[in-house]
PDB file of N, CA and C in Angstrom:
ATOM      1  N   LEU A   1      25.675 112.843  86.002  1.00  0.00           N
ATOM      2  CA  LEU A   1      26.697 112.132  85.193  1.00  0.00           C
ATOM      3  C   LEU A   1      27.817 111.636  86.055  1.00  0.00           C
ATOM      4  N   VAL A   2      28.210 112.352  87.020  1.00  0.00           N
ATOM      5  CA  VAL A   2      29.254 111.894  87.993  1.00  0.00           C
ATOM      6  C   VAL A   2      28.852 110.606  88.740  1.00  0.00           C
ATOM      7  N   ALA A   3      27.658 110.624  89.201  1.00  0.00           N
ATOM      8  CA  ALA A   3      27.150 109.420  89.919  1.00  0.00           C
ATOM      9  C   ALA A   3      27.029 108.193  89.094  1.00  0.00           C
ATOM     10  N   GLU A   4      26.805 108.329  87.713  1.00  0.00           N
ATOM     11  CA  GLU A   4      26.831 107.203  86.849  1.00  0.00           C
ATOM     12  C   GLU A   4      28.187 106.973  86.162  1.00  0.00           C
ATOM     13  N   ALA A   5      29.115 107.636  86.475  1.00  0.00           N
ATOM     14  CA  ALA A   5      30.416 107.506  85.749  1.00  0.00           C
ATOM     15  C   ALA A   5      31.056 106.136  86.051  1.00  0.00           C
ATOM     16  N   GLU A   6      31.783 105.648  85.079  1.00  0.00           N
ATOM     17  CA  GLU A   6      32.586 104.463  85.281  1.00  0.00           C
ATOM     18  C   GLU A   6      33.771 104.782  86.096  1.00  0.00           C
ATOM     19  N   GLU A   7      34.207 103.824  86.915  1.00  0.00           N
ATOM     20  CA  GLU A   7      35.378 104.087  87.794  1.00  0.00           C
ATOM     21  C   GLU A   7      36.493 103.190  87.456  1.00  0.00           C
ATOM     22  N   GLN A   8      37.689 103.770  87.273  1.00  0.00           N
ATOM     23  CA  GLN A   8      38.971 103.002  87.007  1.00  0.00           C
ATOM     24  C   GLN A   8      39.969 103.452  88.028  1.00  0.00           C
ATOM     25  N   LYS A   9      40.342 102.533  88.937  1.00  0.00           N
ATOM     26  CA  LYS A   9      41.405 102.869  89.909  1.00  0.00           C
ATOM     27  C   LYS A   9      41.135 104.117  90.637  1.00  0.00           C
ATOM     28  N   GLY A  10      39.926 104.299  91.125  1.00  0.00           N
ATOM     29  CA  GLY A  10      39.537 105.424  91.923  1.00  0.00           C
ATOM     30  C   GLY A  10      39.256 106.705  91.088  1.00  0.00           C
ATOM     31  N   ILE A  11      39.351 106.624  89.814  1.00  0.00           N
ATOM     32  CA  ILE A  11      39.084 107.837  88.975  1.00  0.00           C
ATOM     33  C   ILE A  11      37.651 107.632  88.275  1.00  0.00           C
ATOM     34  N   ARG A  12      36.850 108.599  88.435  1.00  0.00           N
ATOM     35  CA  ARG A  12      35.549 108.562  87.763  1.00  0.00           C
ATOM     36  C   ARG A  12      35.671 109.095  86.286  1.00  0.00           C
ATOM     37  N   ILE A  13      35.270 108.371  85.396  1.00  0.00           N
ATOM     38  CA  ILE A  13      35.397 108.790  83.985  1.00  0.00           C
ATOM     39  C   ILE A  13      33.910 108.985  83.384  1.00  0.00           C
ATOM     40  N   VAL A  14      33.620 110.219  83.160  1.00  0.00           N
ATOM     41  CA  VAL A  14      32.317 110.621  82.625  1.00  0.00           C
ATOM     42  C   VAL A  14      32.493 110.567  81.114  1.00  0.00           C
ATOM     43  N   ARG A  15      31.775 109.705  80.404  1.00  0.00           N
ATOM     44  CA  ARG A  15      31.866 109.583  78.936  1.00  0.00           C
ATOM     45  C   ARG A  15      30.468 109.781  78.378  1.00  0.00           C
ATOM     46  N   ALA A  16      30.302 110.842  77.593  1.00  0.00           N
ATOM     47  CA  ALA A  16      28.945 111.114  77.032  1.00  0.00           C
ATOM     48  C   ALA A  16      29.001 111.776  75.703  1.00  0.00           C
ATOM     49  N   VAL A  17      28.049 111.427  74.830  1.00  0.00           N
ATOM     50  CA  VAL A  17      27.857 112.119  73.506  1.00  0.00           C
ATOM     51  C   VAL A  17      26.538 112.764  73.521  1.00  0.00           C
ATOM     52  N   PHE A  18      26.551 114.049  73.123  1.00  0.00           N
ATOM     53  CA  PHE A  18      25.335 114.826  73.024  1.00  0.00           C
ATOM     54  C   PHE A  18      25.103 115.167  71.470  1.00  0.00           C
ATOM     55  N   THR A  19      23.924 115.521  71.147  1.00  0.00           N
ATOM     56  CA  THR A  19      23.625 115.948  69.765  1.00  0.00           C
ATOM     57  C   THR A  19      23.092 117.323  69.697  1.00  0.00           C
ATOM     58  N   ALA A  20      23.391 117.959  68.552  1.00  0.00           N
ATOM     59  CA  ALA A  20      22.933 119.377  68.377  1.00  0.00           C
ATOM     60  C   ALA A  20      21.555 119.435  67.730  1.00  0.00           C
ATOM     61  N   THR A  21      20.851 118.332  67.533  1.00  0.00           N
ATOM     62  CA  THR A  21      19.576 118.367  66.878  1.00  0.00           C
ATOM     63  C   THR A  21      18.477 118.212  67.903  1.00  0.00           C
ATOM     64  N   PRO A  22      17.490 119.087  67.898  1.00  0.00           N
ATOM     65  CA  PRO A  22      16.404 119.009  68.860  1.00  0.00           C
ATOM     66  C   PRO A  22      15.568 117.684  68.887  1.00  0.00           C
ATOM     67  N   GLU A  23      15.567 117.039  67.771  1.00  0.00           N
ATOM     68  CA  GLU A  23      14.758 115.814  67.602  1.00  0.00           C
ATOM     69  C   GLU A  23      15.296 114.658  68.573  1.00  0.00           C
ATOM     70  N   THR A  24      16.590 114.742  68.934  1.00  0.00           N
ATOM     71  CA  THR A  24      17.167 113.597  69.638  1.00  0.00           C
ATOM     72  C   THR A  24      17.472 113.997  71.088  1.00  0.00           C
ATOM     73  N   GLU A  25      17.341 115.229  71.463  1.00  0.00           N
ATOM     74  CA  GLU A  25      17.567 115.640  72.800  1.00  0.00           C
ATOM     75  C   GLU A  25      16.555 116.551  73.213  1.00  0.00           C
ATOM     76  N   PRO A  26      16.198 116.621  74.559  1.00  0.00           N
ATOM     77  CA  PRO A  26      15.187 117.600  74.976  1.00  0.00           C
ATOM     78  C   PRO A  26      15.655 119.095  74.701  1.00  0.00           C
ATOM     79  N   LEU A  27      16.996 119.231  74.650  1.00  0.00           N
ATOM     80  CA  LEU A  27      17.553 120.518  74.435  1.00  0.00           C
ATOM     81  C   LEU A  27      18.658 120.419  73.426  1.00  0.00           C
ATOM     82  N   PRO A  28      18.727 121.158  72.401  1.00  0.00           N
ATOM     83  CA  PRO A  28      19.842 121.025  71.477  1.00  0.00           C
ATOM     84  C   PRO A  28      21.131 121.583  72.132  1.00  0.00           C
ATOM     85  N   TRP A  29      22.124 120.757  72.068  1.00  0.00           N
ATOM     86  CA  TRP A  29      23.403 121.131  72.723  1.00  0.00           C
ATOM     87  C   TRP A  29      24.282 121.895  71.740  1.00  0.00           C
ATOM     88  N   ASN A  30      25.177 122.659  72.270  1.00  0.00           N
ATOM     89  CA  ASN A  30      26.116 123.375  71.402  1.00  0.00           C
ATOM     90  C   ASN A  30      27.574 123.280  72.085  1.00  0.00           C
ATOM     91  N   ALA A  31      28.597 123.722  71.355  1.00  0.00           N
ATOM     92  CA  ALA A  31      29.942 123.598  71.918  1.00  0.00           C
ATOM     93  C   ALA A  31      30.098 124.375  73.215  1.00  0.00           C
ATOM     94  N   GLU A  32      29.515 125.524  73.411  1.00  0.00           N
ATOM     95  CA  GLU A  32      29.698 126.215  74.618  1.00  0.00           C
ATOM     96  C   GLU A  32      29.121 125.551  75.832  1.00  0.00           C
ATOM     97  N   MET A  33      27.905 124.863  75.642  1.00  0.00           N
ATOM     98  CA  MET A  33      27.354 124.145  76.702  1.00  0.00           C
ATOM     99  C   MET A  33      28.215 122.961  77.073  1.00  0.00           C
ATOM    100  N   ILE A  34      28.781 122.291  76.123  1.00  0.00           N
ATOM    101  CA  ILE A  34      29.686 121.129  76.433  1.00  0.00           C
ATOM    102  C   ILE A  34      30.873 121.621  77.112  1.00  0.00           C
ATOM    103  N   LYS A  35      31.446 122.746  76.745  1.00  0.00           N
ATOM    104  CA  LYS A  35      32.610 123.290  77.454  1.00  0.00           C
ATOM    105  C   LYS A  35      32.253 123.588  78.916  1.00  0.00           C
ATOM    106  N   ARG A  36      31.157 124.249  79.104  1.00  0.00           N
ATOM    107  CA  ARG A  36      30.723 124.605  80.529  1.00  0.00           C
ATOM    108  C   ARG A  36      30.515 123.296  81.345  1.00  0.00           C
ATOM    109  N   LEU A  37      29.885 122.339  80.764  1.00  0.00           N
ATOM    110  CA  LEU A  37      29.737 121.059  81.449  1.00  0.00           C
ATOM    111  C   LEU A  37      31.090 120.396  81.812  1.00  0.00           C
ATOM    112  N   ALA A  38      32.052 120.371  80.915  1.00  0.00           N
ATOM    113  CA  ALA A  38      33.364 119.821  81.121  1.00  0.00           C
ATOM    114  C   ALA A  38      34.074 120.626  82.279  1.00  0.00           C
ATOM    115  N   LEU A  39      33.975 121.979  82.237  1.00  0.00           N
ATOM    116  CA  LEU A  39      34.592 122.802  83.323  1.00  0.00           C
ATOM    117  C   LEU A  39      33.938 122.477  84.686  1.00  0.00           C
ATOM    118  N   ARG A  40      32.666 122.224  84.672  1.00  0.00           N
ATOM    119  CA  ARG A  40      31.961 121.902  85.898  1.00  0.00           C
ATOM    120  C   ARG A  40      32.394 120.539  86.459  1.00  0.00           C
ATOM    121  N   LEU A  41      32.536 119.570  85.537  1.00  0.00           N
ATOM    122  CA  LEU A  41      32.953 118.259  85.981  1.00  0.00           C
ATOM    123  C   LEU A  41      34.485 118.302  86.475  1.00  0.00           C
ATOM    124  N   MET A  42      35.231 119.158  86.030  1.00  0.00           N
ATOM    125  CA  MET A  42      36.606 119.327  86.488  1.00  0.00           C
ATOM    126  C   MET A  42      36.665 119.604  88.014  1.00  0.00           C
ATOM    127  N   GLU A  43      35.590 120.228  88.515  1.00  0.00           N
ATOM    128  CA  GLU A  43      35.597 120.625  89.931  1.00  0.00           C
ATOM    129  C   GLU A  43      35.461 119.425  90.905  1.00  0.00           C
ATOM    130  N   TYR A  44      35.026 118.342  90.379  1.00  0.00           N
ATOM    131  CA  TYR A  44      34.922 117.155  91.170  1.00  0.00           C
ATOM    132  C   TYR A  44      36.275 116.469  91.335  1.00  0.00           C
ATOM    133  N   PRO A  45      36.591 115.985  92.513  1.00  0.00           N
ATOM    134  CA  PRO A  45      37.851 115.327  92.686  1.00  0.00           C
ATOM    135  C   PRO A  45      37.849 113.975  91.941  1.00  0.00           C
ATOM    136  N   ALA A  46      39.046 113.577  91.450  1.00  0.00           N
ATOM    137  CA  ALA A  46      39.275 112.310  90.795  1.00  0.00           C
ATOM    138  C   ALA A  46      38.299 112.153  89.684  1.00  0.00           C
ATOM    139  N   CYS A  47      38.201 113.101  88.756  1.00  0.00           N
ATOM    140  CA  CYS A  47      37.186 112.984  87.675  1.00  0.00           C
ATOM    141  C   CYS A  47      37.812 113.420  86.369  1.00  0.00           C
ATOM    142  N   VAL A  48      37.419 112.646  85.365  1.00  0.00           N
ATOM    143  CA  VAL A  48      37.770 112.953  83.985  1.00  0.00           C
ATOM    144  C   VAL A  48      36.508 112.984  83.171  1.00  0.00           C
ATOM    145  N   ALA A  49      36.400 113.958  82.224  1.00  0.00           N
ATOM    146  CA  ALA A  49      35.300 114.154  81.405  1.00  0.00           C
ATOM    147  C   ALA A  49      35.717 113.863  79.967  1.00  0.00           C
ATOM    148  N   LEU A  50      35.073 112.946  79.282  1.00  0.00           N
ATOM    149  CA  LEU A  50      35.310 112.675  77.806  1.00  0.00           C
ATOM    150  C   LEU A  50      33.935 112.975  77.114  1.00  0.00           C
ATOM    151  N   LEU A  51      33.832 114.175  76.616  1.00  0.00           N
ATOM    152  CA  LEU A  51      32.534 114.556  76.050  1.00  0.00           C
ATOM    153  C   LEU A  51      32.662 114.799  74.557  1.00  0.00           C
ATOM    154  N   GLY A  52      31.541 114.403  73.889  1.00  0.00           N
ATOM    155  CA  GLY A  52      31.466 114.622  72.456  1.00  0.00           C
ATOM    156  C   GLY A  52      30.130 115.254  72.032  1.00  0.00           C
ATOM    157  N   LEU A  53      30.197 116.021  70.914  1.00  0.00           N
ATOM    158  CA  LEU A  53      29.028 116.645  70.465  1.00  0.00           C
ATOM    159  C   LEU A  53      28.912 116.356  68.915  1.00  0.00           C
ATOM    160  N   LYS A  54      27.731 115.710  68.598  1.00  0.00           N
ATOM    161  CA  LYS A  54      27.496 115.385  67.202  1.00  0.00           C
ATOM    162  C   LYS A  54      26.699 116.486  66.588  1.00  0.00           C
ATOM    163  N   ALA A  55      27.204 117.113  65.584  1.00  0.00           N
ATOM    164  CA  ALA A  55      26.485 118.071  64.805  1.00  0.00           C
ATOM    165  C   ALA A  55      26.834 117.845  63.324  1.00  0.00           C
ATOM    166  N   ASP A  56      26.969 118.912  62.504  1.00  0.00           N
ATOM    167  CA  ASP A  56      27.454 118.791  61.178  1.00  0.00           C
ATOM    168  C   ASP A  56      28.911 118.259  61.198  1.00  0.00           C
ATOM    169  N   LYS A  57      29.609 118.608  62.271  1.00  0.00           N
ATOM    170  CA  LYS A  57      30.957 118.127  62.475  1.00  0.00           C
ATOM    171  C   LYS A  57      30.924 117.495  63.879  1.00  0.00           C
ATOM    172  N   ALA A  58      31.991 116.720  64.138  1.00  0.00           N
ATOM    173  CA  ALA A  58      32.180 116.170  65.488  1.00  0.00           C
ATOM    174  C   ALA A  58      33.063 117.093  66.250  1.00  0.00           C
ATOM    175  N   GLN A  59      32.659 117.257  67.545  1.00  0.00           N
ATOM    176  CA  GLN A  59      33.386 118.042  68.539  1.00  0.00           C
ATOM    177  C   GLN A  59      33.753 117.239  69.737  1.00  0.00           C
ATOM    178  N   LEU A  60      34.933 117.406  70.222  1.00  0.00           N
ATOM    179  CA  LEU A  60      35.395 116.743  71.464  1.00  0.00           C
ATOM    180  C   LEU A  60      35.818 117.720  72.525  1.00  0.00           C
ATOM    181  N   THR A  61      35.526 117.434  73.742  1.00  0.00           N
ATOM    182  CA  THR A  61      35.945 118.223  74.901  1.00  0.00           C
ATOM    183  C   THR A  61      36.400 117.223  75.946  1.00  0.00           C
ATOM    184  N   PHE A  62      37.738 117.242  76.324  1.00  0.00           N
ATOM    185  CA  PHE A  62      38.197 116.356  77.400  1.00  0.00           C
ATOM    186  C   PHE A  62      38.699 117.246  78.480  1.00  0.00           C
ATOM    187  N   ALA A  63      38.481 116.870  79.773  1.00  0.00           N
ATOM    188  CA  ALA A  63      38.930 117.599  80.925  1.00  0.00           C
ATOM    189  C   ALA A  63      39.210 116.633  82.044  1.00  0.00           C
ATOM    190  N   ARG A  64      40.023 117.125  82.953  1.00  0.00           N
ATOM    191  CA  ARG A  64      40.300 116.332  84.157  1.00  0.00           C
ATOM    192  C   ARG A  64      40.432 117.246  85.395  1.00  0.00           C
ATOM    193  N   SER A  65      40.186 116.678  86.525  1.00  0.00           N
ATOM    194  CA  SER A  65      40.329 117.428  87.745  1.00  0.00           C
ATOM    195  C   SER A  65      41.807 117.559  88.022  1.00  0.00           C
ATOM    196  N   ASP A  66      42.170 118.517  88.862  1.00  0.00           N
ATOM    197  CA  ASP A  66      43.662 118.758  89.223  1.00  0.00           C
ATOM    198  C   ASP A  66      44.343 117.571  89.799  1.00  0.00           C
ATOM    199  N   ASP A  67      43.594 116.761  90.540  1.00  0.00           N
ATOM    200  CA  ASP A  67      44.269 115.638  91.196  1.00  0.00           C
ATOM    201  C   ASP A  67      44.470 114.412  90.331  1.00  0.00           C
ATOM    202  N   VAL A  68      44.016 114.508  89.092  1.00  0.00           N
ATOM    203  CA  VAL A  68      44.282 113.493  88.116  1.00  0.00           C
ATOM    204  C   VAL A  68      45.490 113.768  87.214  1.00  0.00           C
ATOM    205  N   VAL A  69      46.502 113.018  87.187  1.00  0.00           N
ATOM    206  CA  VAL A  69      47.698 113.308  86.368  1.00  0.00           C
ATOM    207  C   VAL A  69      47.559 112.519  85.059  1.00  0.00           C
ATOM    208  N   TYR A  70      47.202 113.298  84.040  1.00  0.00           N
ATOM    209  CA  TYR A  70      47.180 112.658  82.710  1.00  0.00           C
ATOM    210  C   TYR A  70      47.075 113.866  81.716  1.00  0.00           C
ATOM    211  N   ASP A  71      47.785 113.699  80.581  1.00  0.00           N
ATOM    212  CA  ASP A  71      47.798 114.736  79.582  1.00  0.00           C
ATOM    213  C   ASP A  71      46.724 114.592  78.579  1.00  0.00           C
ATOM    214  N   MET A  72      45.737 115.443  78.737  1.00  0.00           N
ATOM    215  CA  MET A  72      44.581 115.387  77.792  1.00  0.00           C
ATOM    216  C   MET A  72      44.873 115.700  76.418  1.00  0.00           C
ATOM    217  N   VAL A  73      45.964 116.478  76.148  1.00  0.00           N
ATOM    218  CA  VAL A  73      46.401 116.877  74.820  1.00  0.00           C
ATOM    219  C   VAL A  73      46.764 115.617  74.017  1.00  0.00           C
ATOM    220  N   ALA A  74      47.470 114.690  74.569  1.00  0.00           N
ATOM    221  CA  ALA A  74      47.837 113.398  73.970  1.00  0.00           C
ATOM    222  C   ALA A  74      46.602 112.568  73.675  1.00  0.00           C
ATOM    223  N   LEU A  75      45.680 112.568  74.573  1.00  0.00           N
ATOM    224  CA  LEU A  75      44.415 111.754  74.430  1.00  0.00           C
ATOM    225  C   LEU A  75      43.594 112.381  73.290  1.00  0.00           C
ATOM    226  N   LEU A  76      43.580 113.700  73.179  1.00  0.00           N
ATOM    227  CA  LEU A  76      42.826 114.348  72.100  1.00  0.00           C
ATOM    228  C   LEU A  76      43.439 114.126  70.712  1.00  0.00           C
ATOM    229  N   LYS A  77      44.721 114.027  70.614  1.00  0.00           N
ATOM    230  CA  LYS A  77      45.391 113.750  69.354  1.00  0.00           C
ATOM    231  C   LYS A  77      44.953 112.368  68.803  1.00  0.00           C
ATOM    232  N   GLU A  78      44.908 111.442  69.613  1.00  0.00           N
ATOM    233  CA  GLU A  78      44.419 110.058  69.156  1.00  0.00           C
ATOM    234  C   GLU A  78      42.946 110.138  68.742  1.00  0.00           C
ATOM    235  N   ALA A  79      42.110 110.728  69.579  1.00  0.00           N
ATOM    236  CA  ALA A  79      40.689 110.753  69.283  1.00  0.00           C
ATOM    237  C   ALA A  79      40.437 111.644  68.040  1.00  0.00           C
ATOM    238  N   GLY A  80      41.144 112.698  67.917  1.00  0.00           N
ATOM    239  CA  GLY A  80      40.993 113.635  66.785  1.00  0.00           C
ATOM    240  C   GLY A  80      41.242 112.954  65.476  1.00  0.00           C
ATOM    241  N   ARG A  81      42.299 112.093  65.396  1.00  0.00           N
ATOM    242  CA  ARG A  81      42.561 111.413  64.167  1.00  0.00           C
ATOM    243  C   ARG A  81      41.387 110.474  63.722  1.00  0.00           C
ATOM    244  N   ILE A  82      40.682 109.960  64.664  1.00  0.00           N
ATOM    245  CA  ILE A  82      39.567 109.051  64.365  1.00  0.00           C
ATOM    246  C   ILE A  82      38.461 109.829  63.644  1.00  0.00           C
ATOM    247  N   ILE A  83      38.204 111.080  64.193  1.00  0.00           N
ATOM    248  CA  ILE A  83      37.066 111.896  63.644  1.00  0.00           C
ATOM    249  C   ILE A  83      37.576 112.751  62.470  1.00  0.00           C
ATOM    250  N   GLY A  84      38.786 112.571  62.033  1.00  0.00           N
ATOM    251  CA  GLY A  84      39.268 113.320  60.901  1.00  0.00           C
ATOM    252  C   GLY A  84      39.616 114.769  61.150  1.00  0.00           C
ATOM    253  N   GLY A  85      40.180 115.005  62.328  1.00  0.00           N
ATOM    254  CA  GLY A  85      40.523 116.419  62.725  1.00  0.00           C
ATOM    255  C   GLY A  85      41.605 116.485  63.809  1.00  0.00           C
ATOM    256  N   GLY A  86      41.465 117.443  64.638  1.00  0.00           N
ATOM    257  CA  GLY A  86      42.458 117.576  65.669  1.00  0.00           C
ATOM    258  C   GLY A  86      41.949 118.613  66.694  1.00  0.00           C
ATOM    259  N   GLY A  87      42.888 119.235  67.353  1.00  0.00           N
ATOM    260  CA  GLY A  87      42.505 120.195  68.328  1.00  0.00           C
ATOM    261  C   GLY A  87      43.723 120.546  69.290  1.00  0.00           C
ATOM    262  N   GLY A  88      43.425 121.099  70.386  1.00  0.00           N
ATOM    263  CA  GLY A  88      44.507 121.400  71.355  1.00  0.00           C
ATOM    264  C   GLY A  88      43.968 121.993  72.673  1.00  0.00           C
ATOM    265  N   GLY A  89      44.941 122.357  73.470  1.00  0.00           N
ATOM    266  CA  GLY A  89      44.607 122.937  74.723  1.00  0.00           C
ATOM    267  C   GLY A  89      45.715 122.772  75.714  1.00  0.00           C
ATOM    268  N   GLN A  90      45.305 122.663  76.976  1.00  0.00           N
ATOM    269  CA  GLN A  90      46.268 122.481  78.077  1.00  0.00           C
ATOM    270  C   GLN A  90      46.238 121.013  78.539  1.00  0.00           C
ATOM    271  N   PRO A  91      47.166 120.594  79.337  1.00  0.00           N
ATOM    272  CA  PRO A  91      47.134 119.197  79.898  1.00  0.00           C
ATOM    273  C   PRO A  91      45.830 118.759  80.645  1.00  0.00           C
ATOM    274  N   HIS A  92      45.124 119.776  81.173  1.00  0.00           N
ATOM    275  CA  HIS A  92      43.902 119.496  81.963  1.00  0.00           C
ATOM    276  C   HIS A  92      42.629 119.804  81.229  1.00  0.00           C
ATOM    277  N   PHE A  93      42.677 120.467  80.060  1.00  0.00           N
ATOM    278  CA  PHE A  93      41.501 120.780  79.270  1.00  0.00           C
ATOM    279  C   PHE A  93      41.759 120.969  77.875  1.00  0.00           C
ATOM    280  N   VAL A  94      41.113 120.161  77.009  1.00  0.00           N
ATOM    281  CA  VAL A  94      41.276 120.325  75.565  1.00  0.00           C
ATOM    282  C   VAL A  94      40.003 120.315  74.817  1.00  0.00           C
ATOM    283  N   GLN A  95      40.019 120.879  73.564  1.00  0.00           N
ATOM    284  CA  GLN A  95      38.882 120.855  72.695  1.00  0.00           C
ATOM    285  C   GLN A  95      39.330 120.589  71.262  1.00  0.00           C
ATOM    286  N   GLY A  96      38.524 119.909  70.541  1.00  0.00           N
ATOM    287  CA  GLY A  96      38.899 119.653  69.104  1.00  0.00           C
ATOM    288  C   GLY A  96      37.673 119.240  68.360  1.00  0.00           C
ATOM    289  N   GLY A  97      37.909 119.042  67.113  1.00  0.00           N
ATOM    290  CA  GLY A  97      36.824 118.603  66.244  1.00  0.00           C
ATOM    291  C   GLY A  97      37.281 117.976  64.964  1.00  0.00           C
ATOM    292  N   GLY A  98      36.333 117.496  64.225  1.00  0.00           N
ATOM    293  CA  GLY A  98      36.689 116.833  62.967  1.00  0.00           C
ATOM    294  C   GLY A  98      35.472 116.731  62.077  1.00  0.00           C
ATOM    295  N   SER A  99      35.713 116.248  60.878  1.00  0.00           N
ATOM    296  CA  SER A  99      34.719 116.196  59.798  1.00  0.00           C
ATOM    297  C   SER A  99      33.877 114.952  59.765  1.00  0.00           C
ATOM    298  N   ARG A 100      34.151 113.978  60.761  1.00  0.00           N
ATOM    299  CA  ARG A 100      33.510 112.668  60.714  1.00  0.00           C
ATOM    300  C   ARG A 100      32.651 112.430  61.990  1.00  0.00           C
ATOM    301  N   PRO A 101      31.519 113.076  62.071  1.00  0.00           N
ATOM    302  CA  PRO A 101      30.678 112.845  63.312  1.00  0.00           C
ATOM    303  C   PRO A 101      30.198 111.447  63.482  1.00  0.00           C
ATOM    304  N   GLU A 102      30.130 110.613  62.369  1.00  0.00           N
ATOM    305  CA  GLU A 102      29.693 109.237  62.526  1.00  0.00           C
ATOM    306  C   GLU A 102      30.702 108.443  63.259  1.00  0.00           C
ATOM    307  N   ARG A 103      31.911 108.901  63.488  1.00  0.00           N
ATOM    308  CA  ARG A 103      32.872 108.130  64.207  1.00  0.00           C
ATOM    309  C   ARG A 103      33.154 108.695  65.616  1.00  0.00           C
ATOM    310  N   LEU A 104      32.277 109.519  66.098  1.00  0.00           N
ATOM    311  CA  LEU A 104      32.423 110.150  67.394  1.00  0.00           C
ATOM    312  C   LEU A 104      32.410 109.151  68.514  1.00  0.00           C
ATOM    313  N   ASP A 105      31.454 108.203  68.453  1.00  0.00           N
ATOM    314  CA  ASP A 105      31.378 107.176  69.525  1.00  0.00           C
ATOM    315  C   ASP A 105      32.712 106.334  69.568  1.00  0.00           C
ATOM    316  N   GLU A 106      33.188 105.980  68.335  1.00  0.00           N
ATOM    317  CA  GLU A 106      34.469 105.240  68.293  1.00  0.00           C
ATOM    318  C   GLU A 106      35.638 106.025  68.860  1.00  0.00           C
ATOM    319  N   ALA A 107      35.655 107.315  68.624  1.00  0.00           N
ATOM    320  CA  ALA A 107      36.722 108.181  69.170  1.00  0.00           C
ATOM    321  C   ALA A 107      36.640 108.206  70.711  1.00  0.00           C
ATOM    322  N   LEU A 108      35.430 108.369  71.238  1.00  0.00           N
ATOM    323  CA  LEU A 108      35.365 108.388  72.646  1.00  0.00           C
ATOM    324  C   LEU A 108      35.687 107.024  73.364  1.00  0.00           C
ATOM    325  N   THR A 109      35.341 105.958  72.639  1.00  0.00           N
ATOM    326  CA  THR A 109      35.654 104.675  73.174  1.00  0.00           C
ATOM    327  C   THR A 109      37.153 104.409  73.171  1.00  0.00           C
ATOM    328  N   ALA A 110      37.829 104.871  72.067  1.00  0.00           N
ATOM    329  CA  ALA A 110      39.307 104.727  72.013  1.00  0.00           C
ATOM    330  C   ALA A 110      39.950 105.624  73.115  1.00  0.00           C
ATOM    331  N   ALA A 111      39.472 106.802  73.298  1.00  0.00           N
ATOM    332  CA  ALA A 111      40.024 107.643  74.399  1.00  0.00           C
ATOM    333  C   ALA A 111      39.810 107.018  75.769  1.00  0.00           C
ATOM    334  N   TYR A 112      38.702 106.461  75.941  1.00  0.00           N
ATOM    335  CA  TYR A 112      38.385 105.836  77.226  1.00  0.00           C
ATOM    336  C   TYR A 112      39.320 104.631  77.480  1.00  0.00           C
ATOM    337  N   GLN A 113      39.506 103.783  76.463  1.00  0.00           N
ATOM    338  CA  GLN A 113      40.379 102.626  76.542  1.00  0.00           C
ATOM    339  C   GLN A 113      41.876 103.037  76.802  1.00  0.00           C
ATOM    340  N   THR A 114      42.271 104.087  76.120  1.00  0.00           N
ATOM    341  CA  THR A 114      43.670 104.542  76.288  1.00  0.00           C
ATOM    342  C   THR A 114      43.836 105.093  77.694  1.00  0.00           C
ATOM    343  N   LEU A 115      42.923 105.875  78.147  1.00  0.00           N
ATOM    344  CA  LEU A 115      42.895 106.438  79.475  1.00  0.00           C
ATOM    345  C   LEU A 115      42.934 105.364  80.496  1.00  0.00           C
ATOM    346  N   SER A 116      42.001 104.407  80.418  1.00  0.00           N
ATOM    347  CA  SER A 116      41.879 103.303  81.371  1.00  0.00           C
ATOM    348  C   SER A 116      43.172 102.487  81.455  1.00  0.00           C
ATOM    349  N   GLY A 117      43.786 102.226  80.337  1.00  0.00           N
ATOM    350  CA  GLY A 117      45.008 101.443  80.312  1.00  0.00           C
ATOM    351  C   GLY A 117      46.175 102.103  80.949  1.00  0.00           C
ATOM    352  N   SER A 118      46.078 103.480  81.101  1.00  0.00           N
ATOM    353  CA  SER A 118      47.217 104.288  81.565  1.00  0.00           C
ATOM    354  C   SER A 118      47.085 104.604  83.052  1.00  0.00           C
ATOM    355  N   LEU A 119      45.949 104.378  83.622  1.00  0.00           N
ATOM    356  CA  LEU A 119      45.763 104.758  85.057  1.00  0.00           C
ATOM    357  C   LEU A 119      46.427 103.775  85.984  1.00  0.00           C
TER     358      LEU A 119
END
């Protein structure tokens, strides 16, 4: 994922949506797996993870490495509104969810655009 990440001003932005249904993925993803993936991506320098999980509800996990200065809480608030929910966390790691999984791609795109415009 890091090798294929989009780069904006030297920051690699990993943006991915996973699904919790085995028909669409080789492995059904869950919130704990997405969290562990985000924590692992935080270990890379100059990296931001914008991850989503489509299930009965939409789930978001955003994270950044220590050398990236950006408040993930503010980013989650915007994306959370799109999926009909919210969340919280720390400036470097946040999680949230909402009742509109059909808008998950839109939420991640909005988060990416906001982040890219602020770097």
